[in-house]
Amino acid sequence: MLFTTLVPMTRALDLGGRKALLTDTVGFIKDLPHWLVDAFKSTLNEIYLSDLILLVVDVSEKPEIILQKLSTSHDTLWDKIQGVPVITVLNKTDLLKEFELKNIMKQIEHMAPNPVFVAAKEETGISALKAEIIKHLPAWSFSSLTLPNSEEGMSILSWLYEEGIVHKVEYEKWITVNYEARLEIINRAQALVNYQPDED
């Protein structure tokens, strides 16, 4: 429905140990007036700054309607997202027979990158969707960090638990952490540690 989602809603999503934030934003409307586009600018920025975009489509609609909506969405997104992966989430598959779904896909597949079939109300296809999300999220790397055994070090460690996956922690004179995270987080963690541990 028009303007159903006026304010983005964000929820945490657990992807098998890797944490993500899933934000539901406003839908895209064809020929939206410029003054209204400006009103939704902050909401659209949520999309442009994302690591991954899930483009949700009602696949039970007529193919020409689906294509029109996909075209409007791509026109809104394409110049701004600069290579951010898009997963097309084809919802309401439970309302279609298999041959109907295949027929629709033949007509829309050129506009539906990385398609995943779900029936949200029936909670089917969610595992496949999560697997596709993991596949397209930015790569994570393993790293290790030596932190002071202090309040500052514990604060950084807590932050690493929030932003990555901590595999091992050793508490001695220094705190040694083995963890996995995005390169951006690894670089930021290294920058937070502006000291060198004693040789002994």
Protein backbone atom coordinates (compact mmCIF):
# COMPACT_ATOMS: atom_id res chain seq x y z
CA MET A 1 0.00 0.00 0.00
CA LEU A 2 1.11 3.57 -0.67
CA PHE A 3 3.28 5.01 2.14
CA THR A 4 2.76 1.99 4.39
CA THR A 5 6.36 2.29 5.61
CA LEU A 6 7.08 5.96 6.29
CA VAL A 7 9.75 5.44 8.94
CA PRO A 8 12.46 2.79 8.45
CA MET A 9 12.22 -0.09 10.89
CA THR A 10 15.43 -1.93 11.79
CA ARG A 11 15.79 -5.35 13.36
CA ALA A 12 18.80 -7.53 14.16
CA LEU A 13 19.30 -10.62 12.01
CA ASP A 14 21.45 -13.58 13.04
CA LEU A 15 23.06 -15.29 10.06
CA GLY A 16 24.66 -18.29 11.73
CA GLY A 17 26.88 -16.25 14.04
CA ARG A 18 27.29 -13.30 11.73
CA LYS A 19 25.12 -10.40 12.80
CA ALA A 20 23.36 -8.03 10.41
CA LEU A 21 20.87 -5.19 10.62
CA LEU A 22 17.81 -5.55 8.40
CA THR A 23 16.04 -2.25 7.64
CA ASP A 24 12.57 -2.01 6.08
CA THR A 25 12.30 1.22 4.06
CA VAL A 26 9.71 3.00 1.96
CA GLY A 27 8.73 1.47 -1.36
CA PHE A 28 9.46 3.12 -4.69
CA ILE A 29 6.79 5.02 -6.60
CA LYS A 30 6.87 5.86 -10.31
CA ASP A 31 7.14 9.58 -11.15
CA LEU A 32 7.28 10.60 -7.50
CA PRO A 33 7.26 14.45 -7.24
CA HIS A 34 10.65 15.98 -6.47
CA TRP A 35 9.42 17.62 -3.27
CA LEU A 36 8.32 14.22 -2.00
CA VAL A 37 11.65 12.63 -2.98
CA ASP A 38 13.37 15.27 -0.81
CA ALA A 39 11.07 14.36 2.10
CA PHE A 40 12.23 10.74 1.89
CA LYS A 41 15.90 11.58 1.34
CA SER A 42 17.08 10.29 4.73
CA THR A 43 15.12 7.08 4.21
CA LEU A 44 16.65 6.58 0.76
CA ASN A 45 20.12 7.20 2.22
CA GLU A 46 19.56 4.12 4.41
CA ILE A 47 19.43 2.14 1.16
CA TYR A 48 22.33 3.84 -0.60
CA LEU A 49 24.66 3.16 2.35
CA SER A 50 23.71 -0.52 2.67
CA ASP A 51 26.05 -3.48 2.14
CA LEU A 52 23.22 -5.35 0.42
CA ILE A 53 19.73 -4.56 -0.89
CA LEU A 54 16.73 -6.90 -0.70
CA LEU A 55 14.20 -5.84 -3.32
CA VAL A 56 10.89 -7.40 -2.25
CA VAL A 57 8.36 -8.10 -5.02
CA ASP A 58 4.83 -9.52 -4.93
CA VAL A 59 5.29 -12.28 -7.53
CA SER A 60 1.56 -13.09 -7.56
CA GLU A 61 0.83 -9.91 -9.52
CA LYS A 62 0.66 -9.79 -13.32
CA PRO A 63 4.09 -9.89 -15.03
CA GLU A 64 3.63 -6.45 -16.59
CA ILE A 65 2.90 -4.95 -13.14
CA ILE A 66 5.92 -6.69 -11.63
CA LEU A 67 8.13 -5.40 -14.45
CA GLN A 68 6.83 -1.88 -13.97
CA LYS A 69 7.61 -1.99 -10.25
CA LEU A 70 11.05 -3.51 -10.83
CA SER A 71 11.81 -0.84 -13.42
CA THR A 72 10.79 1.94 -11.01
CA SER A 73 12.96 0.43 -8.27
CA HIS A 74 15.98 0.06 -10.53
CA ASP A 75 15.58 3.62 -11.85
CA THR A 76 15.58 4.88 -8.26
CA LEU A 77 18.53 2.78 -7.13
CA TRP A 78 20.95 2.06 -9.93
CA ASP A 79 22.88 5.34 -10.19
CA LYS A 80 23.28 5.62 -6.42
CA ILE A 81 24.14 2.14 -5.13
CA GLN A 82 27.45 1.84 -7.07
CA GLY A 83 27.71 -1.91 -7.35
CA VAL A 84 25.95 -2.87 -4.10
CA PRO A 85 24.50 -6.38 -4.64
CA VAL A 86 20.72 -6.68 -5.05
CA ILE A 87 18.74 -9.79 -4.11
CA THR A 88 15.25 -9.93 -5.62
CA VAL A 89 12.95 -11.47 -2.99
CA LEU A 90 9.95 -12.90 -4.84
CA ASN A 91 7.24 -13.13 -2.21
CA LYS A 92 3.80 -14.85 -2.15
CA THR A 93 4.98 -17.88 -4.13
CA ASP A 94 2.39 -19.92 -2.22
CA LEU A 95 -0.33 -18.24 -4.30
CA LEU A 96 1.06 -19.63 -7.56
CA LYS A 97 1.38 -23.04 -9.15
CA GLU A 98 4.86 -24.10 -10.25
CA PHE A 99 4.17 -23.62 -13.97
CA GLU A 100 2.75 -20.14 -13.29
CA LEU A 101 5.87 -19.14 -11.37
CA LYS A 102 8.12 -20.43 -14.17
CA ASN A 103 6.13 -18.48 -16.75
CA ILE A 104 6.40 -15.26 -14.72
CA MET A 105 10.13 -15.76 -14.20
CA LYS A 106 10.71 -16.11 -17.95
CA GLN A 107 9.21 -12.65 -18.39
CA ILE A 108 10.90 -10.84 -15.48
CA GLU A 109 14.24 -12.63 -14.96
CA HIS A 110 16.23 -9.95 -16.83
CA MET A 111 15.04 -7.43 -14.18
CA ALA A 112 15.33 -9.71 -11.14
CA PRO A 113 18.99 -10.20 -10.12
CA ASN A 114 19.75 -13.02 -7.65
CA PRO A 115 16.12 -14.20 -7.28
CA VAL A 116 14.97 -15.98 -4.13
CA PHE A 117 11.46 -17.43 -3.75
CA VAL A 118 9.67 -17.01 -0.42
CA ALA A 119 6.21 -17.07 1.11
CA ALA A 120 6.66 -14.75 4.09
CA LYS A 121 3.37 -15.53 5.82
CA GLU A 122 4.01 -19.26 5.48
CA GLU A 123 7.65 -18.73 6.53
CA THR A 124 8.93 -20.79 3.61
CA GLY A 125 12.10 -19.98 1.69
CA ILE A 126 13.60 -18.05 4.61
CA SER A 127 16.60 -20.39 4.96
CA ALA A 128 17.37 -20.00 1.25
CA LEU A 129 17.08 -16.21 1.61
CA LYS A 130 19.50 -16.17 4.56
CA ALA A 131 21.97 -18.29 2.58
CA GLU A 132 21.76 -15.85 -0.34
CA ILE A 133 22.29 -12.90 2.01
CA ILE A 134 25.43 -14.51 3.48
CA LYS A 135 26.69 -15.20 -0.04
CA HIS A 136 26.48 -11.53 -1.06
CA LEU A 137 27.51 -9.74 2.13
CA PRO A 138 31.00 -8.17 2.17
CA ALA A 139 33.73 -10.72 2.84
CA TRP A 140 35.01 -11.14 6.38
CA SER A 141 38.62 -11.88 7.31
CA PHE A 142 40.33 -13.42 10.31
CA SER A 143 42.54 -11.21 12.43
CA SER A 144 44.11 -11.02 15.87
CA LEU A 145 44.57 -8.09 18.19
CA THR A 146 46.49 -7.42 21.39
CA LEU A 147 44.64 -5.18 23.82
CA PRO A 148 45.59 -3.71 27.19
CA ASN A 149 44.07 -5.63 30.09
CA SER A 150 42.20 -2.54 31.22
CA GLU A 151 38.84 -0.84 31.01
CA GLU A 152 39.80 0.56 27.59
CA GLY A 153 40.80 -2.89 26.32
CA MET A 154 37.57 -4.47 27.62
CA SER A 155 35.58 -1.73 25.87
CA ILE A 156 37.26 -2.54 22.53
CA LEU A 157 36.70 -6.25 23.12
CA SER A 158 33.00 -5.63 23.78
CA TRP A 159 32.82 -3.64 20.54
CA LEU A 160 34.44 -6.53 18.63
CA TYR A 161 31.79 -8.90 19.99
CA GLU A 162 29.14 -6.56 18.57
CA GLU A 163 30.77 -5.98 15.18
CA GLY A 164 32.29 -9.38 14.42
CA ILE A 165 32.66 -12.97 15.57
CA VAL A 166 35.15 -13.43 18.42
CA HIS A 167 36.65 -16.93 18.21
CA LYS A 168 39.17 -16.90 21.07
CA VAL A 169 40.18 -14.59 23.93
CA GLU A 170 43.22 -15.05 26.22
CA TYR A 171 43.53 -12.92 29.35
CA GLU A 172 47.07 -12.42 30.64
CA LYS A 173 49.10 -9.25 31.02
CA TRP A 174 47.53 -8.34 27.69
CA ILE A 175 44.28 -9.50 26.14
CA THR A 176 44.80 -11.46 22.92
CA VAL A 177 41.75 -11.69 20.65
CA ASN A 178 41.26 -13.85 17.57
CA TYR A 179 38.23 -12.66 15.64
CA GLU A 180 36.54 -12.39 12.26
CA ALA A 181 35.08 -9.19 10.80
CA ARG A 182 34.77 -6.93 7.78
CA LEU A 183 38.00 -5.25 6.67
CA GLU A 184 36.58 -1.89 7.73
CA ILE A 185 36.13 -3.15 11.30
CA ILE A 186 39.59 -4.76 11.36
CA ASN A 187 41.19 -1.49 10.27
CA ARG A 188 39.18 0.50 12.81
CA ALA A 189 40.14 -1.91 15.59
CA GLN A 190 43.81 -1.56 14.70
CA ALA A 191 43.48 2.22 14.74
CA LEU A 192 41.93 2.10 18.23
CA VAL A 193 45.03 0.36 19.54
CA ASN A 194 47.61 3.14 19.56
CA TYR A 195 50.25 1.36 21.64
CA GLN A 196 52.79 -1.42 21.42
CA PRO A 197 52.83 -4.17 24.09
CA ASP A 198 55.96 -4.62 26.17
CA GLU A 199 58.48 -7.09 24.83
CA ASP A 200 58.25 -9.11 28.07
